[in-house]
Amino acid sequence: KFSTDGREVVAGSSDDSIYVYDLEANRVSLRTVAHTSDVNTVCFADESGNLILSGSDDNLCKVWDRRCFIGRDKPAGVLVGHLEGVTFIDSRRDGRYF
């Protein structure tokens, strides 16, 4: 998914990671091992681009705050309860609801 300003793209991968690509610099600006299985879906949760949502075959949805990535690659929140892998996630881009 593209950021609202069109400068970045967030992507999930089969290596259990989330990637954020800086399109202007043409490089990966962030990579984190996010799940224990394929990351099927990702999106930006707000206009700022600081919050990222992810869903995976490990049955979890996670919330990532890029402002907290210095020194630790831990999610800001984990939502459990899905019985199968999460294949789609979308945000209202208000930082609250998805």
N, C-alpha and C. Protein backbone atom coordinates (compact mmCIF):
# COMPACT_ATOMS: atom_id res chain seq x y z
N LYS A 1 0.84 -1.18 0.00
CA LYS A 1 0.00 0.00 0.00
C LYS A 1 0.88 1.24 0.00
N PHE A 2 0.41 2.27 -0.67
CA PHE A 2 1.12 3.54 -0.72
C PHE A 2 0.76 4.40 0.48
N SER A 3 1.70 5.22 0.92
CA SER A 3 1.42 6.20 1.95
C SER A 3 0.56 7.31 1.34
N THR A 4 -0.04 8.13 2.18
CA THR A 4 -0.92 9.18 1.66
C THR A 4 -0.17 10.22 0.84
N ASP A 5 1.10 10.45 1.13
CA ASP A 5 1.87 11.42 0.35
C ASP A 5 2.53 10.79 -0.87
N GLY A 6 2.42 9.46 -1.02
CA GLY A 6 2.97 8.77 -2.18
C GLY A 6 4.48 8.59 -2.16
N ARG A 7 5.12 8.85 -1.04
CA ARG A 7 6.58 8.73 -0.95
C ARG A 7 7.05 7.34 -0.54
N GLU A 8 6.15 6.57 0.10
CA GLU A 8 6.54 5.25 0.60
C GLU A 8 5.52 4.20 0.20
N VAL A 9 5.99 2.96 0.20
CA VAL A 9 5.15 1.79 0.01
C VAL A 9 5.46 0.82 1.13
N VAL A 10 4.42 0.27 1.76
CA VAL A 10 4.60 -0.76 2.77
C VAL A 10 4.19 -2.09 2.15
N ALA A 11 4.97 -3.14 2.43
CA ALA A 11 4.72 -4.45 1.83
C ALA A 11 4.99 -5.55 2.85
N GLY A 12 4.21 -6.62 2.75
CA GLY A 12 4.45 -7.82 3.53
C GLY A 12 5.14 -8.84 2.65
N SER A 13 5.79 -9.83 3.26
CA SER A 13 6.54 -10.79 2.46
C SER A 13 6.42 -12.20 3.02
N SER A 14 6.88 -13.15 2.23
CA SER A 14 6.86 -14.55 2.65
C SER A 14 8.03 -14.90 3.57
N ASP A 15 8.92 -13.93 3.84
CA ASP A 15 9.99 -14.17 4.82
C ASP A 15 9.59 -13.64 6.20
N ASP A 16 8.27 -13.52 6.44
CA ASP A 16 7.68 -13.12 7.73
C ASP A 16 7.94 -11.66 8.09
N SER A 17 8.32 -10.84 7.13
CA SER A 17 8.75 -9.48 7.39
C SER A 17 7.83 -8.43 6.78
N ILE A 18 7.97 -7.22 7.30
CA ILE A 18 7.34 -6.03 6.74
C ILE A 18 8.46 -5.17 6.19
N TYR A 19 8.26 -4.65 5.00
CA TYR A 19 9.22 -3.75 4.37
C TYR A 19 8.54 -2.41 4.09
N VAL A 20 9.26 -1.32 4.34
CA VAL A 20 8.82 0.00 3.92
C VAL A 20 9.87 0.51 2.94
N TYR A 21 9.41 0.83 1.73
CA TYR A 21 10.30 1.31 0.68
C TYR A 21 10.15 2.82 0.54
N ASP A 22 11.26 3.52 0.55
CA ASP A 22 11.29 4.95 0.27
C ASP A 22 11.43 5.09 -1.24
N LEU A 23 10.39 5.55 -1.90
CA LEU A 23 10.38 5.62 -3.36
C LEU A 23 11.30 6.71 -3.90
N GLU A 24 11.45 7.82 -3.16
CA GLU A 24 12.32 8.89 -3.62
C GLU A 24 13.79 8.50 -3.55
N ALA A 25 14.17 7.81 -2.46
CA ALA A 25 15.56 7.39 -2.29
C ALA A 25 15.84 6.05 -2.97
N ASN A 26 14.77 5.36 -3.39
CA ASN A 26 14.89 4.06 -4.06
C ASN A 26 15.63 3.04 -3.19
N ARG A 27 15.18 2.93 -1.93
CA ARG A 27 15.81 1.99 -1.00
C ARG A 27 14.81 1.55 0.07
N VAL A 28 15.14 0.48 0.76
CA VAL A 28 14.33 0.01 1.88
C VAL A 28 14.66 0.89 3.08
N SER A 29 13.65 1.55 3.63
CA SER A 29 13.89 2.40 4.80
C SER A 29 13.61 1.67 6.11
N LEU A 30 12.87 0.54 6.03
CA LEU A 30 12.57 -0.22 7.24
C LEU A 30 12.31 -1.67 6.86
N ARG A 31 12.88 -2.58 7.63
CA ARG A 31 12.57 -4.00 7.53
C ARG A 31 12.51 -4.55 8.93
N THR A 32 11.44 -5.27 9.23
CA THR A 32 11.34 -5.91 10.53
C THR A 32 10.69 -7.27 10.37
N VAL A 33 11.20 -8.26 11.08
CA VAL A 33 10.55 -9.57 11.13
C VAL A 33 9.34 -9.39 12.02
N ALA A 34 8.16 -9.49 11.40
CA ALA A 34 6.93 -9.08 12.07
C ALA A 34 6.08 -10.22 12.59
N HIS A 35 6.15 -11.37 11.95
CA HIS A 35 5.28 -12.49 12.28
C HIS A 35 6.08 -13.79 12.24
N THR A 36 5.40 -14.89 12.58
CA THR A 36 6.04 -16.21 12.52
C THR A 36 5.61 -16.99 11.29
N SER A 37 4.91 -16.33 10.39
CA SER A 37 4.48 -16.93 9.14
C SER A 37 4.34 -15.82 8.10
N ASP A 38 3.94 -16.18 6.87
CA ASP A 38 3.83 -15.21 5.79
C ASP A 38 3.00 -14.00 6.20
N VAL A 39 3.46 -12.81 5.85
CA VAL A 39 2.69 -11.58 6.06
C VAL A 39 1.85 -11.37 4.81
N ASN A 40 0.54 -11.51 4.95
CA ASN A 40 -0.37 -11.47 3.81
C ASN A 40 -0.86 -10.07 3.48
N THR A 41 -0.97 -9.20 4.46
CA THR A 41 -1.59 -7.91 4.25
C THR A 41 -0.99 -6.86 5.18
N VAL A 42 -0.80 -5.66 4.65
CA VAL A 42 -0.29 -4.54 5.43
C VAL A 42 -0.94 -3.26 4.93
N CYS A 43 -0.98 -2.25 5.80
CA CYS A 43 -1.43 -0.93 5.38
C CYS A 43 -0.99 0.10 6.41
N PHE A 44 -0.96 1.35 5.99
CA PHE A 44 -0.71 2.44 6.91
C PHE A 44 -2.02 2.73 7.65
N ALA A 45 -1.93 2.96 8.96
CA ALA A 45 -3.14 3.16 9.77
C ALA A 45 -3.55 4.61 9.88
N ASP A 46 -2.64 5.54 9.58
CA ASP A 46 -2.98 6.94 9.74
C ASP A 46 -2.30 7.78 8.66
N GLU A 47 -2.62 9.04 8.65
CA GLU A 47 -2.08 9.96 7.64
C GLU A 47 -0.58 10.18 7.81
N SER A 48 -0.08 10.08 9.02
CA SER A 48 1.34 10.37 9.29
C SER A 48 2.27 9.30 8.74
N GLY A 49 1.77 8.09 8.59
CA GLY A 49 2.62 6.98 8.14
C GLY A 49 3.40 6.34 9.26
N ASN A 50 3.18 6.76 10.50
CA ASN A 50 3.91 6.17 11.63
C ASN A 50 3.32 4.84 12.08
N LEU A 51 2.02 4.66 11.92
CA LEU A 51 1.38 3.43 12.35
C LEU A 51 1.14 2.52 11.15
N ILE A 52 1.55 1.26 11.31
CA ILE A 52 1.39 0.25 10.26
C ILE A 52 0.62 -0.92 10.85
N LEU A 53 -0.32 -1.45 10.09
CA LEU A 53 -1.08 -2.63 10.49
C LEU A 53 -0.64 -3.81 9.63
N SER A 54 -0.61 -5.01 10.22
CA SER A 54 -0.22 -6.19 9.46
C SER A 54 -1.08 -7.38 9.87
N GLY A 55 -1.29 -8.28 8.91
CA GLY A 55 -2.02 -9.52 9.15
C GLY A 55 -1.25 -10.67 8.52
N SER A 56 -1.32 -11.85 9.15
CA SER A 56 -0.44 -12.94 8.75
C SER A 56 -1.14 -14.28 8.82
N ASP A 57 -0.46 -15.30 8.25
CA ASP A 57 -0.92 -16.67 8.37
C ASP A 57 -0.77 -17.22 9.78
N ASP A 58 -0.12 -16.47 10.68
CA ASP A 58 -0.02 -16.91 12.07
C ASP A 58 -1.27 -16.54 12.88
N ASN A 59 -2.34 -16.07 12.18
CA ASN A 59 -3.65 -15.74 12.76
C ASN A 59 -3.64 -14.47 13.59
N LEU A 60 -2.62 -13.62 13.46
CA LEU A 60 -2.52 -12.41 14.26
C LEU A 60 -2.60 -11.16 13.40
N CYS A 61 -3.18 -10.12 13.98
CA CYS A 61 -3.08 -8.75 13.45
C CYS A 61 -2.17 -8.00 14.41
N LYS A 62 -1.26 -7.21 13.86
CA LYS A 62 -0.34 -6.45 14.70
C LYS A 62 -0.34 -4.99 14.30
N VAL A 63 -0.11 -4.15 15.29
CA VAL A 63 0.01 -2.71 15.09
C VAL A 63 1.46 -2.34 15.37
N TRP A 64 2.07 -1.62 14.43
CA TRP A 64 3.48 -1.23 14.53
C TRP A 64 3.58 0.29 14.57
N ASP A 65 4.35 0.81 15.50
CA ASP A 65 4.60 2.24 15.59
C ASP A 65 6.05 2.50 15.20
N ARG A 66 6.26 3.13 14.07
CA ARG A 66 7.62 3.35 13.56
C ARG A 66 8.44 4.25 14.47
N ARG A 67 7.82 5.05 15.30
CA ARG A 67 8.55 5.93 16.22
C ARG A 67 9.22 5.14 17.34
N CYS A 68 8.81 3.89 17.55
CA CYS A 68 9.34 3.05 18.63
C CYS A 68 10.29 1.97 18.12
N PHE A 69 10.72 2.03 16.87
CA PHE A 69 11.55 0.98 16.30
C PHE A 69 13.02 1.10 16.66
N ILE A 70 13.45 2.18 17.23
CA ILE A 70 14.86 2.35 17.54
C ILE A 70 15.23 1.42 18.69
N GLY A 71 16.03 0.41 18.38
CA GLY A 71 16.51 -0.51 19.41
C GLY A 71 15.62 -1.71 19.67
N ARG A 72 14.36 -1.68 19.22
CA ARG A 72 13.51 -2.84 19.47
C ARG A 72 12.48 -2.97 18.36
N ASP A 73 12.34 -4.15 17.85
CA ASP A 73 11.37 -4.42 16.79
C ASP A 73 10.18 -5.18 17.36
N LYS A 74 9.45 -4.52 18.24
CA LYS A 74 8.29 -5.14 18.88
C LYS A 74 7.04 -4.37 18.46
N PRO A 75 5.92 -5.08 18.28
CA PRO A 75 4.69 -4.39 17.91
C PRO A 75 4.15 -3.55 19.06
N ALA A 76 3.43 -2.49 18.71
CA ALA A 76 2.76 -1.68 19.73
C ALA A 76 1.51 -2.40 20.24
N GLY A 77 0.97 -3.30 19.44
CA GLY A 77 -0.20 -4.06 19.85
C GLY A 77 -0.35 -5.32 19.03
N VAL A 78 -0.95 -6.34 19.64
CA VAL A 78 -1.22 -7.62 18.97
C VAL A 78 -2.68 -7.95 19.22
N LEU A 79 -3.40 -8.24 18.15
CA LEU A 79 -4.81 -8.60 18.25
C LEU A 79 -4.95 -10.08 17.92
N VAL A 80 -5.39 -10.85 18.90
CA VAL A 80 -5.52 -12.30 18.74
C VAL A 80 -6.99 -12.67 18.59
N GLY A 81 -7.24 -13.88 18.15
CA GLY A 81 -8.60 -14.38 18.11
C GLY A 81 -9.04 -14.91 16.77
N HIS A 82 -8.31 -14.65 15.70
CA HIS A 82 -8.68 -15.21 14.41
C HIS A 82 -8.38 -16.70 14.39
N LEU A 83 -9.25 -17.47 13.78
CA LEU A 83 -9.06 -18.91 13.72
C LEU A 83 -8.27 -19.34 12.50
N GLU A 84 -8.16 -18.48 11.51
CA GLU A 84 -7.40 -18.73 10.29
C GLU A 84 -6.49 -17.54 10.03
N GLY A 85 -5.64 -17.68 9.04
CA GLY A 85 -4.75 -16.59 8.68
C GLY A 85 -5.51 -15.35 8.23
N VAL A 86 -4.95 -14.20 8.50
CA VAL A 86 -5.56 -12.93 8.12
C VAL A 86 -5.08 -12.57 6.72
N THR A 87 -6.01 -12.39 5.80
CA THR A 87 -5.65 -12.16 4.40
C THR A 87 -5.94 -10.75 3.91
N PHE A 88 -6.65 -9.94 4.69
CA PHE A 88 -6.94 -8.58 4.27
C PHE A 88 -7.08 -7.69 5.50
N ILE A 89 -6.52 -6.50 5.39
CA ILE A 89 -6.65 -5.51 6.45
C ILE A 89 -6.70 -4.15 5.78
N ASP A 90 -7.51 -3.25 6.33
CA ASP A 90 -7.62 -1.91 5.78
C ASP A 90 -7.91 -0.95 6.92
N SER A 91 -7.59 0.30 6.71
CA SER A 91 -7.72 1.30 7.76
C SER A 91 -8.60 2.45 7.31
N ARG A 92 -9.23 3.10 8.27
CA ARG A 92 -9.96 4.33 7.98
C ARG A 92 -9.00 5.51 7.94
N ARG A 93 -7.71 5.24 8.19
CA ARG A 93 -6.64 6.24 8.19
C ARG A 93 -6.82 7.31 9.25
N ASP A 94 -7.50 6.95 10.34
CA ASP A 94 -7.68 7.87 11.45
C ASP A 94 -6.85 7.48 12.67
N GLY A 95 -6.08 6.39 12.56
CA GLY A 95 -5.24 5.95 13.66
C GLY A 95 -5.99 5.21 14.74
N ARG A 96 -7.28 4.95 14.54
CA ARG A 96 -8.09 4.29 15.56
C ARG A 96 -8.77 3.01 15.07
N TYR A 97 -9.41 3.09 13.91
CA TYR A 97 -10.23 1.98 13.44
C TYR A 97 -9.64 1.34 12.19
N PHE A 98 -9.77 0.00 12.12
CA PHE A 98 -9.36 -0.71 10.90
C PHE A 98 -10.24 -1.92 10.72
